[in-house]
Amino acid sequence: LKNENKLNIELKKYRQKRSLDANAYMWVLISKLQEVLNVSKEQIYKDAIKNIGVYEVIPLKNEAVNRFIEAWKHNGLGWICETTKSKLEGFTNILAYYGSSTYTTNEMSRLIDLIVEECKTQNIETMTPQELSILKEEWGK
C-alpha cells in the first residue's frame, strides 16, 4: 500500500465532554475572584485544581524528577506537580495533577462548585443553583 492509502485508527474510552459554556463561566468567576483577592487567575485556577485533587502518585528516580515535571507542565495550565519523599531509596514521589481538560463531568462539576463557593465567600454574585444545574446538564450535548 502507498502511504496515502494507510490509516491510523485510535480507540479511546468514551468520556462526556464538558460544555464550553460551563468552562467559560468558570473563567468568568475566576476573573471576578482575581479582582477581589488580588491574586492571578492562574494561581486561583491552580489552587482549585489542587483542592479538587485529581492526581496520580508516581515514584520516579531522583534524576528523572525535573525532566518529568517540565514535560507534565507542557500539557496545560492545570497540569501541576508536587513532590514528596519516597520510601524507596533514590526515588521521589510525584503528585501529578491533571488539568481540568481531562476532567469527567463529576470532577468538573466539583471544580465549578468550589469556585462558586469561593465567590459566595467573597460576596461575588453567581448564577442561582438552578441556573448552575442547567449549565452542568448541558455538558456533552
N, C-alpha and C. Protein backbone atom coordinates (compact mmCIF):
# COMPACT_ATOMS: atom_id res chain seq x y z
N LEU A 1 0.83 -1.20 0.00
CA LEU A 1 0.00 0.00 0.00
C LEU A 1 0.87 1.25 0.00
N LYS A 2 0.41 2.23 -0.74
CA LYS A 2 1.10 3.52 -0.72
C LYS A 2 0.76 4.23 0.58
N ASN A 3 1.63 5.10 1.04
CA ASN A 3 1.43 5.82 2.30
C ASN A 3 0.12 6.60 2.32
N GLU A 4 -0.32 7.11 1.18
CA GLU A 4 -1.55 7.91 1.16
C GLU A 4 -2.81 7.07 1.39
N ASN A 5 -2.69 5.76 1.28
CA ASN A 5 -3.83 4.87 1.49
C ASN A 5 -3.84 4.24 2.89
N LYS A 6 -2.85 4.52 3.70
CA LYS A 6 -2.78 3.94 5.04
C LYS A 6 -3.55 4.80 6.02
N LEU A 7 -4.10 4.15 7.04
CA LEU A 7 -4.87 4.84 8.07
C LEU A 7 -4.30 4.53 9.44
N ASN A 8 -4.38 5.51 10.33
CA ASN A 8 -4.14 5.28 11.75
C ASN A 8 -5.49 5.35 12.43
N ILE A 9 -5.82 4.32 13.20
CA ILE A 9 -7.09 4.28 13.90
C ILE A 9 -6.80 4.22 15.40
N GLU A 10 -7.48 5.08 16.14
CA GLU A 10 -7.27 5.15 17.58
C GLU A 10 -8.61 4.95 18.29
N LEU A 11 -8.64 4.05 19.26
CA LEU A 11 -9.82 3.83 20.09
C LEU A 11 -9.56 4.42 21.46
N LYS A 12 -10.54 5.15 21.97
CA LYS A 12 -10.45 5.73 23.30
C LYS A 12 -11.74 5.44 24.03
N LYS A 13 -11.64 5.32 25.35
CA LYS A 13 -12.83 5.17 26.16
C LYS A 13 -13.66 6.45 26.04
N TYR A 14 -14.97 6.30 25.85
CA TYR A 14 -15.85 7.46 25.72
C TYR A 14 -15.88 8.24 27.03
N ARG A 15 -15.77 9.52 26.92
CA ARG A 15 -15.87 10.41 28.07
C ARG A 15 -16.70 11.59 27.66
N GLN A 16 -17.74 11.87 28.44
CA GLN A 16 -18.61 13.00 28.13
C GLN A 16 -17.80 14.29 28.25
N LYS A 17 -17.88 15.12 27.24
CA LYS A 17 -17.14 16.39 27.25
C LYS A 17 -17.92 17.44 28.04
N ARG A 18 -17.17 18.32 28.65
CA ARG A 18 -17.82 19.42 29.36
C ARG A 18 -18.20 20.48 28.34
N SER A 19 -19.19 21.25 28.67
CA SER A 19 -19.62 22.29 27.75
C SER A 19 -18.66 23.47 27.80
N LEU A 20 -18.53 24.13 26.67
CA LEU A 20 -17.70 25.33 26.64
C LEU A 20 -18.31 26.42 27.51
N ASP A 21 -19.65 26.43 27.61
CA ASP A 21 -20.30 27.43 28.43
C ASP A 21 -19.91 27.28 29.91
N ALA A 22 -19.89 26.04 30.39
CA ALA A 22 -19.52 25.80 31.79
C ALA A 22 -18.07 26.20 32.03
N ASN A 23 -17.19 25.85 31.11
CA ASN A 23 -15.78 26.20 31.24
C ASN A 23 -15.61 27.72 31.19
N ALA A 24 -16.29 28.37 30.25
CA ALA A 24 -16.20 29.83 30.12
C ALA A 24 -16.73 30.51 31.39
N TYR A 25 -17.82 29.99 31.94
CA TYR A 25 -18.38 30.57 33.16
C TYR A 25 -17.41 30.44 34.32
N MET A 26 -16.73 29.29 34.41
CA MET A 26 -15.73 29.11 35.47
C MET A 26 -14.67 30.21 35.38
N TRP A 27 -14.21 30.52 34.16
CA TRP A 27 -13.18 31.54 33.99
C TRP A 27 -13.71 32.95 34.27
N VAL A 28 -14.98 33.20 34.01
CA VAL A 28 -15.59 34.48 34.37
C VAL A 28 -15.53 34.65 35.89
N LEU A 29 -15.92 33.60 36.61
CA LEU A 29 -15.89 33.66 38.07
C LEU A 29 -14.46 33.82 38.60
N ILE A 30 -13.53 33.12 37.99
CA ILE A 30 -12.12 33.25 38.40
C ILE A 30 -11.64 34.69 38.19
N SER A 31 -12.06 35.31 37.09
CA SER A 31 -11.68 36.72 36.84
C SER A 31 -12.25 37.64 37.92
N LYS A 32 -13.49 37.38 38.34
CA LYS A 32 -14.09 38.19 39.41
C LYS A 32 -13.34 37.98 40.72
N LEU A 33 -12.95 36.74 41.00
CA LEU A 33 -12.17 36.47 42.21
C LEU A 33 -10.82 37.17 42.16
N GLN A 34 -10.22 37.22 40.99
CA GLN A 34 -8.93 37.89 40.83
C GLN A 34 -9.01 39.35 41.25
N GLU A 35 -10.08 40.00 40.85
CA GLU A 35 -10.26 41.42 41.18
C GLU A 35 -10.38 41.63 42.69
N VAL A 36 -11.07 40.74 43.37
CA VAL A 36 -11.30 40.88 44.81
C VAL A 36 -10.08 40.44 45.62
N LEU A 37 -9.48 39.32 45.23
CA LEU A 37 -8.39 38.73 46.02
C LEU A 37 -7.01 39.28 45.66
N ASN A 38 -6.92 39.96 44.51
CA ASN A 38 -5.64 40.48 44.03
C ASN A 38 -4.61 39.36 43.87
N VAL A 39 -5.08 38.24 43.32
CA VAL A 39 -4.25 37.07 43.02
C VAL A 39 -4.47 36.75 41.55
N SER A 40 -3.45 36.23 40.87
CA SER A 40 -3.60 35.95 39.45
C SER A 40 -4.66 34.88 39.19
N LYS A 41 -5.30 34.99 38.02
CA LYS A 41 -6.29 33.99 37.61
C LYS A 41 -5.66 32.60 37.58
N GLU A 42 -4.42 32.55 37.10
CA GLU A 42 -3.72 31.27 37.00
C GLU A 42 -3.55 30.63 38.37
N GLN A 43 -3.21 31.44 39.37
CA GLN A 43 -3.00 30.89 40.71
C GLN A 43 -4.31 30.41 41.33
N ILE A 44 -5.39 31.16 41.11
CA ILE A 44 -6.70 30.74 41.61
C ILE A 44 -7.08 29.40 40.99
N TYR A 45 -6.88 29.27 39.68
CA TYR A 45 -7.19 28.03 38.97
C TYR A 45 -6.34 26.87 39.50
N LYS A 46 -5.04 27.10 39.60
CA LYS A 46 -4.14 26.03 40.08
C LYS A 46 -4.48 25.61 41.50
N ASP A 47 -4.81 26.55 42.36
CA ASP A 47 -5.21 26.21 43.73
C ASP A 47 -6.48 25.36 43.73
N ALA A 48 -7.42 25.71 42.86
CA ALA A 48 -8.66 24.94 42.77
C ALA A 48 -8.38 23.53 42.25
N ILE A 49 -7.51 23.40 41.27
CA ILE A 49 -7.12 22.08 40.73
C ILE A 49 -6.56 21.22 41.86
N LYS A 50 -5.69 21.80 42.67
CA LYS A 50 -5.10 21.03 43.78
C LYS A 50 -6.15 20.68 44.83
N ASN A 51 -7.09 21.57 45.07
CA ASN A 51 -8.14 21.28 46.05
C ASN A 51 -9.08 20.16 45.58
N ILE A 52 -9.34 20.08 44.29
CA ILE A 52 -10.18 19.00 43.76
C ILE A 52 -9.44 17.68 43.86
N GLY A 53 -8.13 17.71 43.63
CA GLY A 53 -7.29 16.55 43.91
C GLY A 53 -7.40 15.38 42.94
N VAL A 54 -7.43 15.66 41.64
CA VAL A 54 -7.40 14.58 40.65
C VAL A 54 -5.93 14.43 40.22
N TYR A 55 -5.26 13.42 40.79
CA TYR A 55 -3.83 13.26 40.54
C TYR A 55 -3.41 11.80 40.64
N GLU A 56 -2.20 11.55 40.19
CA GLU A 56 -1.55 10.24 40.32
C GLU A 56 -0.31 10.43 41.17
N VAL A 57 0.03 9.41 41.96
CA VAL A 57 1.31 9.40 42.68
C VAL A 57 2.25 8.53 41.87
N ILE A 58 3.34 9.13 41.43
CA ILE A 58 4.28 8.43 40.55
C ILE A 58 5.67 8.45 41.19
N PRO A 59 6.20 7.28 41.56
CA PRO A 59 7.58 7.25 42.08
C PRO A 59 8.56 7.32 40.91
N LEU A 60 9.49 8.25 41.00
CA LEU A 60 10.50 8.41 39.95
C LEU A 60 11.89 8.44 40.55
N LYS A 61 12.86 7.99 39.76
CA LYS A 61 14.25 8.12 40.19
C LYS A 61 14.53 9.61 40.34
N ASN A 62 15.30 9.95 41.36
CA ASN A 62 15.57 11.36 41.66
C ASN A 62 16.06 12.14 40.44
N GLU A 63 16.91 11.51 39.63
CA GLU A 63 17.47 12.22 38.48
C GLU A 63 16.45 12.45 37.36
N ALA A 64 15.30 11.81 37.41
CA ALA A 64 14.28 11.99 36.37
C ALA A 64 13.20 12.99 36.76
N VAL A 65 13.21 13.44 38.01
CA VAL A 65 12.13 14.28 38.54
C VAL A 65 11.96 15.58 37.76
N ASN A 66 13.01 16.35 37.61
CA ASN A 66 12.89 17.67 36.97
C ASN A 66 12.41 17.57 35.53
N ARG A 67 12.92 16.59 34.80
CA ARG A 67 12.51 16.42 33.40
C ARG A 67 11.03 16.04 33.32
N PHE A 68 10.58 15.15 34.20
CA PHE A 68 9.18 14.76 34.20
C PHE A 68 8.28 15.96 34.49
N ILE A 69 8.63 16.74 35.52
CA ILE A 69 7.82 17.90 35.90
C ILE A 69 7.71 18.88 34.74
N GLU A 70 8.82 19.16 34.07
CA GLU A 70 8.80 20.08 32.93
C GLU A 70 7.92 19.55 31.81
N ALA A 71 8.01 18.26 31.53
CA ALA A 71 7.19 17.66 30.46
C ALA A 71 5.72 17.67 30.85
N TRP A 72 5.39 17.36 32.11
CA TRP A 72 4.00 17.32 32.58
C TRP A 72 3.36 18.70 32.45
N LYS A 73 4.09 19.75 32.84
CA LYS A 73 3.55 21.11 32.80
C LYS A 73 3.20 21.56 31.38
N HIS A 74 3.83 20.97 30.37
CA HIS A 74 3.56 21.35 28.99
C HIS A 74 2.18 20.89 28.52
N ASN A 75 1.48 20.07 29.31
CA ASN A 75 0.13 19.63 28.95
C ASN A 75 -0.89 20.75 29.11
N GLY A 76 -0.59 21.74 29.95
CA GLY A 76 -1.53 22.85 30.14
C GLY A 76 -1.39 23.48 31.50
N LEU A 77 -2.15 24.54 31.72
CA LEU A 77 -2.07 25.36 32.93
C LEU A 77 -2.34 24.58 34.22
N GLY A 78 -3.31 23.68 34.20
CA GLY A 78 -3.69 22.97 35.41
C GLY A 78 -2.88 21.72 35.69
N TRP A 79 -1.92 21.41 34.84
CA TRP A 79 -1.11 20.21 34.99
C TRP A 79 0.06 20.54 35.91
N ILE A 80 -0.13 20.24 37.18
CA ILE A 80 0.77 20.67 38.25
C ILE A 80 1.45 19.45 38.87
N CYS A 81 2.65 19.63 39.35
CA CYS A 81 3.35 18.56 40.08
C CYS A 81 3.80 19.07 41.43
N GLU A 82 3.68 18.19 42.42
CA GLU A 82 4.27 18.42 43.73
C GLU A 82 5.13 17.20 44.03
N THR A 83 6.12 17.37 44.87
CA THR A 83 6.99 16.25 45.21
C THR A 83 6.89 15.93 46.69
N THR A 84 7.01 14.64 46.99
CA THR A 84 7.06 14.18 48.37
C THR A 84 8.14 13.11 48.46
N LYS A 85 8.61 12.91 49.66
CA LYS A 85 9.65 11.91 49.89
C LYS A 85 9.09 10.51 49.66
N SER A 86 9.89 9.68 49.01
CA SER A 86 9.51 8.30 48.76
C SER A 86 10.16 7.40 49.81
N LYS A 87 9.53 6.28 50.09
CA LYS A 87 10.13 5.28 50.98
C LYS A 87 11.23 4.51 50.26
N LEU A 88 11.25 4.61 48.93
CA LEU A 88 12.25 3.92 48.13
C LEU A 88 13.53 4.75 48.05
N GLU A 89 14.63 4.14 48.32
CA GLU A 89 15.94 4.81 48.25
C GLU A 89 16.21 5.30 46.83
N GLY A 90 16.57 6.60 46.70
CA GLY A 90 16.91 7.16 45.39
C GLY A 90 15.70 7.57 44.55
N PHE A 91 14.50 7.55 45.17
CA PHE A 91 13.28 7.90 44.45
C PHE A 91 12.57 9.07 45.13
N THR A 92 11.77 9.78 44.35
CA THR A 92 10.90 10.85 44.83
C THR A 92 9.50 10.55 44.32
N ASN A 93 8.51 10.77 45.15
CA ASN A 93 7.12 10.61 44.70
C ASN A 93 6.65 11.92 44.09
N ILE A 94 6.06 11.83 42.92
CA ILE A 94 5.48 12.98 42.24
C ILE A 94 3.97 12.88 42.37
N LEU A 95 3.34 13.95 42.84
CA LEU A 95 1.89 14.07 42.78
C LEU A 95 1.61 14.85 41.50
N ALA A 96 1.16 14.13 40.47
CA ALA A 96 0.95 14.72 39.15
C ALA A 96 -0.55 15.00 38.96
N TYR A 97 -0.92 16.27 39.10
CA TYR A 97 -2.32 16.69 38.99
C TYR A 97 -2.70 16.84 37.52
N TYR A 98 -3.91 16.36 37.20
CA TYR A 98 -4.44 16.51 35.86
C TYR A 98 -5.14 17.86 35.73
N GLY A 99 -5.01 18.48 34.56
CA GLY A 99 -5.74 19.70 34.27
C GLY A 99 -7.20 19.40 34.02
N SER A 100 -8.04 20.41 34.13
CA SER A 100 -9.49 20.22 34.01
C SER A 100 -9.92 19.78 32.62
N SER A 101 -9.06 19.91 31.62
CA SER A 101 -9.42 19.46 30.27
C SER A 101 -9.66 17.95 30.22
N THR A 102 -9.16 17.22 31.21
CA THR A 102 -9.36 15.76 31.25
C THR A 102 -10.44 15.36 32.25
N TYR A 103 -11.04 16.32 32.91
CA TYR A 103 -11.99 16.01 33.98
C TYR A 103 -13.26 15.35 33.45
N THR A 104 -13.78 14.44 34.25
CA THR A 104 -15.10 13.88 33.99
C THR A 104 -16.13 14.95 34.32
N THR A 105 -17.38 14.67 33.97
CA THR A 105 -18.46 15.60 34.28
C THR A 105 -18.52 15.85 35.79
N ASN A 106 -18.39 14.80 36.58
CA ASN A 106 -18.45 14.92 38.03
C ASN A 106 -17.29 15.76 38.56
N GLU A 107 -16.10 15.52 38.07
CA GLU A 107 -14.93 16.28 38.53
C GLU A 107 -15.04 17.76 38.16
N MET A 108 -15.50 18.04 36.94
CA MET A 108 -15.66 19.42 36.51
C MET A 108 -16.75 20.11 37.31
N SER A 109 -17.80 19.38 37.64
CA SER A 109 -18.86 19.93 38.46
C SER A 109 -18.33 20.33 39.83
N ARG A 110 -17.49 19.47 40.41
CA ARG A 110 -16.88 19.78 41.71
C ARG A 110 -15.98 21.01 41.62
N LEU A 111 -15.25 21.15 40.52
CA LEU A 111 -14.37 22.30 40.33
C LEU A 111 -15.19 23.60 40.27
N ILE A 112 -16.26 23.58 39.48
CA ILE A 112 -17.11 24.77 39.38
C ILE A 112 -17.75 25.08 40.72
N ASP A 113 -18.23 24.05 41.42
CA ASP A 113 -18.83 24.26 42.73
C ASP A 113 -17.84 24.90 43.71
N LEU A 114 -16.59 24.47 43.65
CA LEU A 114 -15.56 25.04 44.51
C LEU A 114 -15.35 26.53 44.21
N ILE A 115 -15.28 26.88 42.93
CA ILE A 115 -15.11 28.28 42.52
C ILE A 115 -16.33 29.10 42.94
N VAL A 116 -17.54 28.55 42.76
CA VAL A 116 -18.76 29.25 43.14
C VAL A 116 -18.78 29.50 44.65
N GLU A 117 -18.38 28.51 45.45
CA GLU A 117 -18.36 28.68 46.91
C GLU A 117 -17.38 29.78 47.32
N GLU A 118 -16.24 29.83 46.67
CA GLU A 118 -15.27 30.90 46.97
C GLU A 118 -15.85 32.26 46.60
N CYS A 119 -16.57 32.32 45.49
CA CYS A 119 -17.22 33.58 45.10
C CYS A 119 -18.24 34.01 46.15
N LYS A 120 -19.02 33.07 46.63
CA LYS A 120 -20.02 33.39 47.65
C LYS A 120 -19.34 33.90 48.92
N THR A 121 -18.22 33.30 49.28
CA THR A 121 -17.46 33.74 50.46
C THR A 121 -17.01 35.19 50.29
N GLN A 122 -16.71 35.57 49.04
CA GLN A 122 -16.22 36.92 48.74
C GLN A 122 -17.36 37.86 48.33
N ASN A 123 -18.62 37.43 48.53
CA ASN A 123 -19.79 38.23 48.15
C ASN A 123 -19.82 38.60 46.67
N ILE A 124 -19.39 37.66 45.83
CA ILE A 124 -19.45 37.84 44.39
C ILE A 124 -20.69 37.11 43.90
N GLU A 125 -21.50 37.82 43.11
CA GLU A 125 -22.74 37.23 42.61
C GLU A 125 -22.44 36.12 41.60
N THR A 126 -23.18 35.02 41.73
CA THR A 126 -23.05 33.90 40.80
C THR A 126 -24.44 33.51 40.30
N MET A 127 -24.45 32.56 39.39
CA MET A 127 -25.74 32.03 38.93
C MET A 127 -26.45 31.38 40.11
N THR A 128 -27.76 31.27 39.99
CA THR A 128 -28.53 30.56 41.01
C THR A 128 -28.20 29.07 40.91
N PRO A 129 -28.46 28.30 41.97
CA PRO A 129 -28.23 26.85 41.89
C PRO A 129 -28.97 26.21 40.71
N GLN A 130 -30.17 26.68 40.41
CA GLN A 130 -30.92 26.13 39.28
C GLN A 130 -30.22 26.43 37.96
N GLU A 131 -29.75 27.67 37.79
CA GLU A 131 -29.03 28.03 36.57
C GLU A 131 -27.75 27.21 36.43
N LEU A 132 -27.04 27.02 37.55
CA LEU A 132 -25.81 26.22 37.51
C LEU A 132 -26.13 24.78 37.13
N SER A 133 -27.22 24.25 37.66
CA SER A 133 -27.63 22.88 37.35
C SER A 133 -27.89 22.72 35.85
N ILE A 134 -28.58 23.66 35.27
CA ILE A 134 -28.87 23.62 33.83
C ILE A 134 -27.57 23.71 33.03
N LEU A 135 -26.67 24.57 33.45
CA LEU A 135 -25.39 24.72 32.77
C LEU A 135 -24.61 23.40 32.79
N LYS A 136 -24.60 22.73 33.95
CA LYS A 136 -23.88 21.46 34.08
C LYS A 136 -24.54 20.36 33.26
N GLU A 137 -25.86 20.38 33.17
CA GLU A 137 -26.59 19.37 32.40
C GLU A 137 -26.29 19.47 30.91
N GLU A 138 -25.86 20.63 30.45
CA GLU A 138 -25.58 20.84 29.04
C GLU A 138 -24.24 20.23 28.60
N TRP A 139 -23.45 19.74 29.55
CA TRP A 139 -22.16 19.16 29.19
C TRP A 139 -22.36 18.01 28.24
N GLY A 140 -21.57 18.02 27.17
CA GLY A 140 -21.59 16.92 26.24
C GLY A 140 -22.71 16.94 25.24
N LYS A 141 -23.59 17.92 25.31
CA LYS A 141 -24.71 17.97 24.35
C LYS A 141 -24.35 18.82 23.16
